[in-house]
C-alpha atoms as a PDB file:
ATOM      1  CA  ILE A   1      14.038 -65.369-112.177  1.00  0.00           C
ATOM      2  CA  PRO A   2      10.985 -63.952-114.000  1.00  0.00           C
ATOM      3  CA  ASP A   3       9.613 -65.778-117.002  1.00  0.00           C
ATOM      4  CA  PHE A   4      10.222 -63.253-119.779  1.00  0.00           C
ATOM      5  CA  SER A   5       8.365 -65.348-122.328  1.00  0.00           C
ATOM      6  CA  CYS A   6       5.181 -65.193-120.231  1.00  0.00           C
ATOM      7  CA  THR A   7       5.684 -61.475-119.635  1.00  0.00           C
ATOM      8  CA  SER A   8       6.098 -60.697-123.328  1.00  0.00           C
ATOM      9  CA  TYR A   9       3.076 -62.846-124.105  1.00  0.00           C
ATOM     10  CA  PHE A  10       1.006 -60.949-121.528  1.00  0.00           C
ATOM     11  CA  PHE A  11       1.956 -57.557-122.942  1.00  0.00           C
ATOM     12  CA  SER A  12       1.308 -58.725-126.503  1.00  0.00           C
ATOM     13  CA  CYS A  13      -2.187 -59.841-125.533  1.00  0.00           C
ATOM     14  CA  PHE A  14      -2.755 -56.613-123.617  1.00  0.00           C
ATOM     15  CA  PHE A  15      -1.851 -54.383-126.556  1.00  0.00           C
ATOM     16  CA  PHE A  16      -3.838 -56.572-128.932  1.00  0.00           C
ATOM     17  CA  LEU A  17      -6.952 -56.266-126.782  1.00  0.00           C
ATOM     18  CA  ALA A  18      -6.404 -52.535-126.312  1.00  0.00           C
ATOM     19  CA  GLY A  19      -6.192 -52.060-130.068  1.00  0.00           C
ATOM     20  CA  PHE A  20      -9.252 -54.215-130.579  1.00  0.00           C
ATOM     21  CA  CYS A  21     -11.290 -52.268-128.002  1.00  0.00           C
ATOM     22  CA  SER A  22     -10.272 -48.919-129.461  1.00  0.00           C
ATOM     23  CA  ALA A  23     -11.685 -50.011-132.853  1.00  0.00           C
ATOM     24  CA  VAL A  24     -15.052 -51.032-131.457  1.00  0.00           C
ATOM     25  CA  CYS A  25     -18.011 -48.926-132.622  1.00  0.00           C
ATOM     26  CA  VAL A  26     -21.249 -48.946-130.651  1.00  0.00           C
ATOM     27  CA  GLU A  27     -24.428 -47.347-131.976  1.00  0.00           C
ATOM     28  CA  VAL A  28     -25.672 -45.439-128.934  1.00  0.00           C
ATOM     29  CA  PRO A  29     -29.013 -43.575-129.107  1.00  0.00           C
ATOM     30  CA  SER A  30     -28.970 -39.816-128.625  1.00  0.00           C
ATOM     31  CA  GLU A  31     -30.359 -37.945-125.640  1.00  0.00           C
ATOM     32  CA  THR A  32     -33.859 -36.623-126.272  1.00  0.00           C
ATOM     33  CA  GLU A  33     -34.125 -33.792-123.727  1.00  0.00           C
ATOM     34  CA  ALA A  34     -32.182 -30.526-123.675  1.00  0.00           C
ATOM     35  CA  VAL A  35     -32.160 -27.555-121.295  1.00  0.00           C
ATOM     36  CA  GLN A  36     -32.731 -24.068-122.641  1.00  0.00           C
ATOM     37  CA  GLY A  37     -29.530 -22.057-123.076  1.00  0.00           C
ATOM     38  CA  THR A  38     -27.178 -25.053-123.023  1.00  0.00           C
ATOM     39  CA  PRO A  39     -25.441 -26.932-125.868  1.00  0.00           C
ATOM     40  CA  MET A  40     -27.074 -30.146-127.038  1.00  0.00           C
ATOM     41  CA  LYS A  41     -25.206 -32.892-128.888  1.00  0.00           C
ATOM     42  CA  LEU A  42     -27.377 -34.739-131.391  1.00  0.00           C
ATOM     43  CA  LEU A  43     -25.715 -38.136-131.408  1.00  0.00           C
ATOM     44  CA  CYS A  44     -25.688 -40.019-134.718  1.00  0.00           C
ATOM     45  CA  ILE A  45     -23.444 -43.089-135.023  1.00  0.00           C
ATOM     46  CA  SER A  46     -23.378 -45.493-137.960  1.00  0.00           C
ATOM     47  CA  CYS A  47     -20.812 -48.274-137.540  1.00  0.00           C
ATOM     48  CA  MET A  48     -18.866 -49.791-140.419  1.00  0.00           C
ATOM     49  CA  LYS A  49     -17.322 -53.243-140.629  1.00  0.00           C
ATOM     50  CA  ARG A  50     -13.574 -53.607-140.903  1.00  0.00           C
ATOM     51  CA  GLU A  51     -13.718 -54.441-144.619  1.00  0.00           C
ATOM     52  CA  GLU A  52     -15.913 -51.381-145.240  1.00  0.00           C
ATOM     53  CA  VAL A  53     -13.538 -48.727-143.878  1.00  0.00           C
ATOM     54  CA  THR A  54     -12.629 -47.366-147.313  1.00  0.00           C
ATOM     55  CA  ALA A  55     -15.694 -45.374-148.284  1.00  0.00           C
ATOM     56  CA  SER A  56     -16.843 -41.862-149.154  1.00  0.00           C
ATOM     57  CA  THR A  57     -19.503 -40.598-146.756  1.00  0.00           C
ATOM     58  CA  VAL A  58     -22.202 -37.953-147.153  1.00  0.00           C
ATOM     59  CA  VAL A  59     -24.126 -36.777-144.074  1.00  0.00           C
ATOM     60  CA  GLU A  60     -27.338 -34.750-144.186  1.00  0.00           C
ATOM     61  CA  TRP A  61     -29.121 -33.294-141.164  1.00  0.00           C
ATOM     62  CA  PHE A  62     -32.778 -32.210-141.314  1.00  0.00           C
ATOM     63  CA  TYR A  63     -35.075 -30.518-138.812  1.00  0.00           C
ATOM     64  CA  ARG A  64     -38.854 -30.803-138.677  1.00  0.00           C
ATOM     65  CA  PRO A  65     -40.887 -28.691-136.251  1.00  0.00           C
ATOM     66  CA  GLU A  66     -44.137 -30.024-134.846  1.00  0.00           C
ATOM     67  CA  GLY A  67     -46.684 -30.094-137.668  1.00  0.00           C
ATOM     68  CA  GLY A  68     -44.099 -28.866-140.205  1.00  0.00           C
ATOM     69  CA  LYS A  69     -41.888 -30.311-142.925  1.00  0.00           C
ATOM     70  CA  ASP A  70     -38.258 -31.408-143.049  1.00  0.00           C
ATOM     71  CA  GLU A  71     -35.819 -28.625-143.809  1.00  0.00           C
ATOM     72  CA  PRO A  72     -32.051 -29.127-144.367  1.00  0.00           C
ATOM     73  CA  ILE A  73     -29.888 -27.556-141.674  1.00  0.00           C
ATOM     74  CA  TYR A  74     -26.443 -29.168-142.087  1.00  0.00           C
ATOM     75  CA  GLU A  75     -24.459 -31.227-144.576  1.00  0.00           C
ATOM     76  CA  TYR A  76     -21.074 -32.913-144.697  1.00  0.00           C
ATOM     77  CA  ARG A  77     -19.797 -33.738-148.189  1.00  0.00           C
ATOM     78  CA  LYS A  78     -15.997 -33.747-147.848  1.00  0.00           C
ATOM     79  CA  THR A  79     -16.470 -30.300-146.278  1.00  0.00           C
ATOM     80  CA  ASN A  80     -18.942 -28.890-143.762  1.00  0.00           C
ATOM     81  CA  HIS A  81     -21.865 -26.822-144.981  1.00  0.00           C
ATOM     82  CA  GLU A  82     -24.519 -25.114-142.835  1.00  0.00           C
ATOM     83  CA  PHE A  83     -27.812 -24.182-144.511  1.00  0.00           C
ATOM     84  CA  PRO A  84     -29.562 -20.890-143.705  1.00  0.00           C
ATOM     85  CA  SER A  85     -32.108 -21.703-140.997  1.00  0.00           C
ATOM     86  CA  ARG A  86     -33.134 -20.858-137.452  1.00  0.00           C
ATOM     87  CA  PHE A  87     -29.914 -22.627-136.408  1.00  0.00           C
ATOM     88  CA  SER A  88     -27.578 -20.380-138.404  1.00  0.00           C
ATOM     89  CA  GLY A  89     -24.358 -19.884-136.433  1.00  0.00           C
ATOM     90  CA  ARG A  90     -25.422 -22.374-133.763  1.00  0.00           C
ATOM     91  CA  LEU A  91     -24.444 -25.699-135.341  1.00  0.00           C
ATOM     92  CA  GLN A  92     -21.107 -27.391-134.692  1.00  0.00           C
ATOM     93  CA  TRP A  93     -19.699 -30.534-136.301  1.00  0.00           C
ATOM     94  CA  ASN A  94     -18.777 -33.267-133.793  1.00  0.00           C
ATOM     95  CA  GLY A  95     -18.073 -36.148-136.148  1.00  0.00           C
ATOM     96  CA  SER A  96     -15.091 -38.492-135.925  1.00  0.00           C
ATOM     97  CA  LYS A  97     -12.283 -38.864-138.472  1.00  0.00           C
ATOM     98  CA  ASP A  98     -13.427 -42.324-139.528  1.00  0.00           C
ATOM     99  CA  MET A  99     -16.944 -40.932-140.193  1.00  0.00           C
ATOM    100  CA  GLN A 100     -18.646 -43.488-137.986  1.00  0.00           C
ATOM    101  CA  ASP A 101     -19.721 -40.765-135.562  1.00  0.00           C
ATOM    102  CA  VAL A 102     -21.436 -38.019-137.582  1.00  0.00           C
ATOM    103  CA  SER A 103     -22.947 -36.056-134.692  1.00  0.00           C
ATOM    104  CA  ILE A 104     -23.593 -32.321-134.528  1.00  0.00           C
ATOM    105  CA  THR A 105     -24.095 -29.966-131.587  1.00  0.00           C
ATOM    106  CA  VAL A 106     -26.740 -27.271-131.322  1.00  0.00           C
ATOM    107  CA  LEU A 107     -25.373 -24.330-129.333  1.00  0.00           C
ATOM    108  CA  ASN A 108     -27.524 -22.190-127.043  1.00  0.00           C
ATOM    109  CA  VAL A 109     -30.647 -24.338-127.395  1.00  0.00           C
ATOM    110  CA  THR A 110     -34.001 -22.499-127.356  1.00  0.00           C
ATOM    111  CA  LEU A 111     -37.520 -23.719-126.661  1.00  0.00           C
ATOM    112  CA  ASN A 112     -38.281 -23.370-130.381  1.00  0.00           C
ATOM    113  CA  ASP A 113     -35.640 -26.006-131.164  1.00  0.00           C
ATOM    114  CA  SER A 114     -37.943 -28.811-130.041  1.00  0.00           C
ATOM    115  CA  GLY A 115     -38.866 -31.141-132.872  1.00  0.00           C
ATOM    116  CA  ILE A 116     -37.626 -34.083-134.920  1.00  0.00           C
ATOM    117  CA  TYR A 117     -34.045 -34.201-136.201  1.00  0.00           C
ATOM    118  CA  THR A 118     -33.105 -36.611-138.971  1.00  0.00           C
ATOM    119  CA  CYS A 119     -29.578 -37.810-139.656  1.00  0.00           C
ATOM    120  CA  ASN A 120     -29.122 -39.393-143.108  1.00  0.00           C
ATOM    121  CA  ILE A 121     -25.866 -41.220-143.907  1.00  0.00           C
ATOM    122  CA  THR A 122     -24.942 -42.301-147.450  1.00  0.00           C
ATOM    123  CA  ARG A 123     -21.780 -44.299-148.057  1.00  0.00           C
ATOM    124  CA  GLU A 124     -20.208 -45.410-151.306  1.00  0.00           C
ATOM    125  CA  PHE A 125     -17.791 -48.238-150.628  1.00  0.00           C
ATOM    126  CA  GLU A 126     -14.683 -48.546-152.741  1.00  0.00           C
ATOM    127  CA  PHE A 127     -14.309 -52.245-153.508  1.00  0.00           C
ATOM    128  CA  GLU A 128     -12.260 -53.572-156.401  1.00  0.00           C
ATOM    129  CA  ILE A 129     -15.164 -54.990-158.404  1.00  0.00           C
ATOM    130  CA  HIS A 130     -18.127 -52.800-157.505  1.00  0.00           C
ATOM    131  CA  ARG A 131     -18.967 -49.623-155.537  1.00  0.00           C
ATOM    132  CA  PRO A 132     -22.160 -50.345-153.558  1.00  0.00           C
ATOM    133  CA  LEU A 133     -24.160 -47.627-151.785  1.00  0.00           C
ATOM    134  CA  PHE A 134     -25.289 -47.929-148.198  1.00  0.00           C
ATOM    135  CA  THR A 135     -27.824 -45.582-146.608  1.00  0.00           C
ATOM    136  CA  SER A 136     -29.071 -45.300-143.053  1.00  0.00           C
ATOM    137  CA  SER A 137     -31.201 -42.848-141.119  1.00  0.00           C
ATOM    138  CA  ARG A 138     -31.558 -41.832-137.468  1.00  0.00           C
ATOM    139  CA  LEU A 139     -34.493 -39.931-135.928  1.00  0.00           C
ATOM    140  CA  ILE A 140     -34.103 -37.863-132.750  1.00  0.00           C
ATOM    141  CA  HIS A 141     -37.242 -36.526-131.053  1.00  0.00           C
ATOM    142  CA  LEU A 142     -35.860 -33.586-129.088  1.00  0.00           C
ATOM    143  CA  THR A 143     -37.726 -31.778-126.317  1.00  0.00           C
ATOM    144  CA  VAL A 144     -36.315 -28.535-124.888  1.00  0.00           C
ATOM    145  CA  VAL A 145     -37.254 -27.613-121.302  1.00  0.00           C
ATOM    146  CA  GLU A 146     -36.664 -24.430-119.326  1.00  0.00           C
ATOM    147  CA  GLU A 147     -34.973 -26.118-116.359  1.00  0.00           C
ATOM    148  CA  ALA A 148     -33.352 -29.492-115.843  1.00  0.00           C
ATOM    149  CA  GLY A 149     -35.627 -31.892-114.018  1.00  0.00           C
ATOM    150  CA  GLU A 150     -34.136 -34.090-111.328  1.00  0.00           C
ATOM    151  CA  ASP A 151     -33.651 -37.604-112.591  1.00  0.00           C
ATOM    152  CA  PHE A 152     -35.636 -40.227-110.636  1.00  0.00           C
ATOM    153  CA  THR A 153     -32.728 -42.658-110.807  1.00  0.00           C
ATOM    154  CA  SER A 154     -30.335 -40.126-109.291  1.00  0.00           C
ATOM    155  CA  VAL A 155     -32.819 -39.434-106.477  1.00  0.00           C
ATOM    156  CA  ILE A 156     -33.045 -43.150-105.653  1.00  0.00           C
ATOM    157  CA  SER A 157     -29.248 -43.400-105.755  1.00  0.00           C
ATOM    158  CA  GLU A 158     -28.859 -40.503-103.319  1.00  0.00           C
ATOM    159  CA  ILE A 159     -31.420 -42.040-100.932  1.00  0.00           C
ATOM    160  CA  MET A 160     -29.651 -45.399-101.031  1.00  0.00           C
ATOM    161  CA  MET A 161     -26.316 -43.673-100.415  1.00  0.00           C
ATOM    162  CA  TYR A 162     -27.650 -41.895 -97.321  1.00  0.00           C
ATOM    163  CA  ILE A 163     -29.176 -45.136 -96.003  1.00  0.00           C
ATOM    164  CA  LEU A 164     -25.857 -46.894 -96.490  1.00  0.00           C
ATOM    165  CA  LEU A 165     -23.976 -44.114 -94.678  1.00  0.00           C
ATOM    166  CA  VAL A 166     -26.387 -44.283 -91.729  1.00  0.00           C
ATOM    167  CA  PHE A 167     -26.072 -48.073 -91.591  1.00  0.00           C
ATOM    168  CA  LEU A 168     -22.275 -47.940 -91.667  1.00  0.00           C
ATOM    169  CA  THR A 169     -22.222 -45.247 -88.975  1.00  0.00           C
ATOM    170  CA  LEU A 170     -24.455 -47.318 -86.663  1.00  0.00           C
ATOM    171  CA  TRP A 171     -22.403 -50.426 -87.326  1.00  0.00           C
ATOM    172  CA  LEU A 172     -19.197 -48.547 -86.485  1.00  0.00           C
ATOM    173  CA  LEU A 173     -20.689 -47.229 -83.227  1.00  0.00           C
ATOM    174  CA  ILE A 174     -21.836 -50.724 -82.234  1.00  0.00           C
ATOM    175  CA  GLU A 175     -18.381 -52.132 -82.938  1.00  0.00           C
ATOM    176  CA  MET A 176     -16.727 -49.369 -80.889  1.00  0.00           C
ATOM    177  CA  VAL A 177     -19.054 -49.993 -77.921  1.00  0.00           C
ATOM    178  CA  TYR A 178     -18.474 -53.742 -78.157  1.00  0.00           C
ATOM    179  CA  CYS A 179     -14.697 -53.341 -78.245  1.00  0.00           C
ATOM    180  CA  TYR A 180     -14.754 -50.845 -75.396  1.00  0.00           C
ATOM    181  CA  ARG A 181     -16.768 -53.215 -73.180  1.00  0.00           C
ATOM    182  CA  LYS A 182     -14.511 -56.130 -74.069  1.00  0.00           C
ATOM    183  CA  VAL A 183     -11.383 -54.160 -73.172  1.00  0.00           C
ATOM    184  CA  SER A 184     -12.988 -52.910 -69.960  1.00  0.00           C
ATOM    185  CA  LYS A 185     -13.909 -56.454 -68.885  1.00  0.00           C
ATOM    186  CA  ALA A 186     -10.395 -57.652 -69.623  1.00  0.00           C
ATOM    187  CA  GLU A 187      -8.926 -54.817 -67.535  1.00  0.00           C
ATOM    188  CA  GLU A 188     -11.348 -55.529 -64.683  1.00  0.00           C
ATOM    189  CA  ALA A 189     -10.455 -59.240 -64.751  1.00  0.00           C
ATOM    190  CA  ALA A 190      -6.740 -58.423 -64.695  1.00  0.00           C
ATOM    191  CA  GLN A 191      -7.238 -55.977 -61.834  1.00  0.00           C
ATOM    192  CA  GLU A 192      -9.248 -58.520 -59.803  1.00  0.00           C
ATOM    193  CA  SER A 193      -6.538 -61.141 -60.321  1.00  0.00           C
ATOM    194  CA  ALA A 194      -3.905 -58.707 -59.142  1.00  0.00           C
ATOM    195  CA  THR A 195      -6.015 -57.763 -56.114  1.00  0.00           C
ATOM    196  CA  ASP A 196      -6.602 -61.426 -55.179  1.00  0.00           C
ATOM    197  CA  TYR A 197      -2.877 -62.138 -55.441  1.00  0.00           C
ATOM    198  CA  LEU A 198      -2.002 -59.206 -53.173  1.00  0.00           C
ATOM    199  CA  ALA A 199      -4.562 -60.384 -50.630  1.00  0.00           C
ATOM    200  CA  ILE A 200      -2.818 -63.793 -50.191  1.00  0.00           C
ATOM    201  CA  PRO A 201      -0.600 -63.916 -47.016  1.00  0.00           C
ATOM    202  CA  SER A 202       3.134 -63.983 -47.596  1.00  0.00           C
ATOM    203  CA  GLU A 203       3.527 -67.529 -46.218  1.00  0.00           C
ATOM    204  CA  ASN A 204       0.916 -68.793 -48.604  1.00  0.00           C
ATOM    205  CA  LYS A 205       2.717 -67.043 -51.461  1.00  0.00           C
ATOM    206  CA  GLU A 206       5.861 -69.000 -50.548  1.00  0.00           C
ATOM    207  CA  ASN A 207       3.890 -72.233 -50.502  1.00  0.00           C
ATOM    208  CA  CYS A 208       2.533 -71.386 -53.905  1.00  0.00           C
ATOM    209  CA  ALA A 209       6.052 -71.456 -55.263  1.00  0.00           C
ATOM    210  CA  VAL A 210       6.891 -74.516 -57.286  1.00  0.00           C
ATOM    211  CA  PRO A 211       9.551 -76.661 -55.527  1.00  0.00           C
ATOM    212  CA  VAL A 212      12.756 -77.124 -57.417  1.00  0.00           C
ATOM    213  CA  GLU A 213      14.024 -80.670 -57.666  1.00  0.00           C
ATOM    214  CA  GLU A 214      17.702 -81.206 -57.002  1.00  0.00           C
END
């Protein structure tokens, strides 16, 4: 009979951990290289603690070309707003509902989009006694290339995969040869035993019989 108390306890722990993991926020740095003509997500994550969930958030995105100055390109202040710039019509909001992920995506990236992107986050927390402000900033140094370069890590992984396949193939062939020889020797031994038995004269075969005691 199954222990239903243990089963219910297991499922309670499972759902508790699943809920806990789903609430985890990890501040992951953004990619810094984009390929011309493809979309590029500028990742900007600013995690909040559990007691800081109730807050109003303002997000400002700036772009600075090499040797130039910061210019506003995008803003989120309860609603999305795109500033007139070289990115007009090419920016897409990719933020989360809880406003911990405030990323944007640049569509159809061009070589002229290389530069420094700044993500400014301002939060006003709604506590009972006071309403403190919290600000943070993320810098993304983006480089746009014409073609995607082959990652060195992926090359090493492919080489190791091929080496492993060759090793496994050789090992399999060796095992097959070993098994074949073992089976062949067993068949030869059985055949020799049968041949030796047939070569014994009939009278000797009768003598080989075990006498039965009365």
